[in-house]
Amino acid sequence: MIREFEPVVFTVDLPQYGLVAGDVGTIADIHPSGKAYEVEVFRVDGSTYDVVTVQEGQIRPATKNEVTHARTIAPTESTAQG
């Protein structure tokens, strides 16, 4: 079960948000149905890149045996202000 504030990994590309499978985010909110989530994605400086709504099959919990990976994004890819 995925919980609020837990790190998650995207399992699919979300090109509308500039996100790719393997990107990491944090659960910001769980919809009442428990089948959709608001996921906040951060830049490496800690600022918010975006907050996106996803379905349960589009993310999975991160595990302790994984590390994050940095990649460059175009400034216009984000829908968040910053």
Foldseek 3Di string as FASTA:
>chain_A
DDDAQFKKFFCAADQLLPRGGGAIWGFHDAPPVNFKTWTWHAAPVGHTQETDIDGPVGIDGDDPPDDHDDDDDDSVSGPDDD
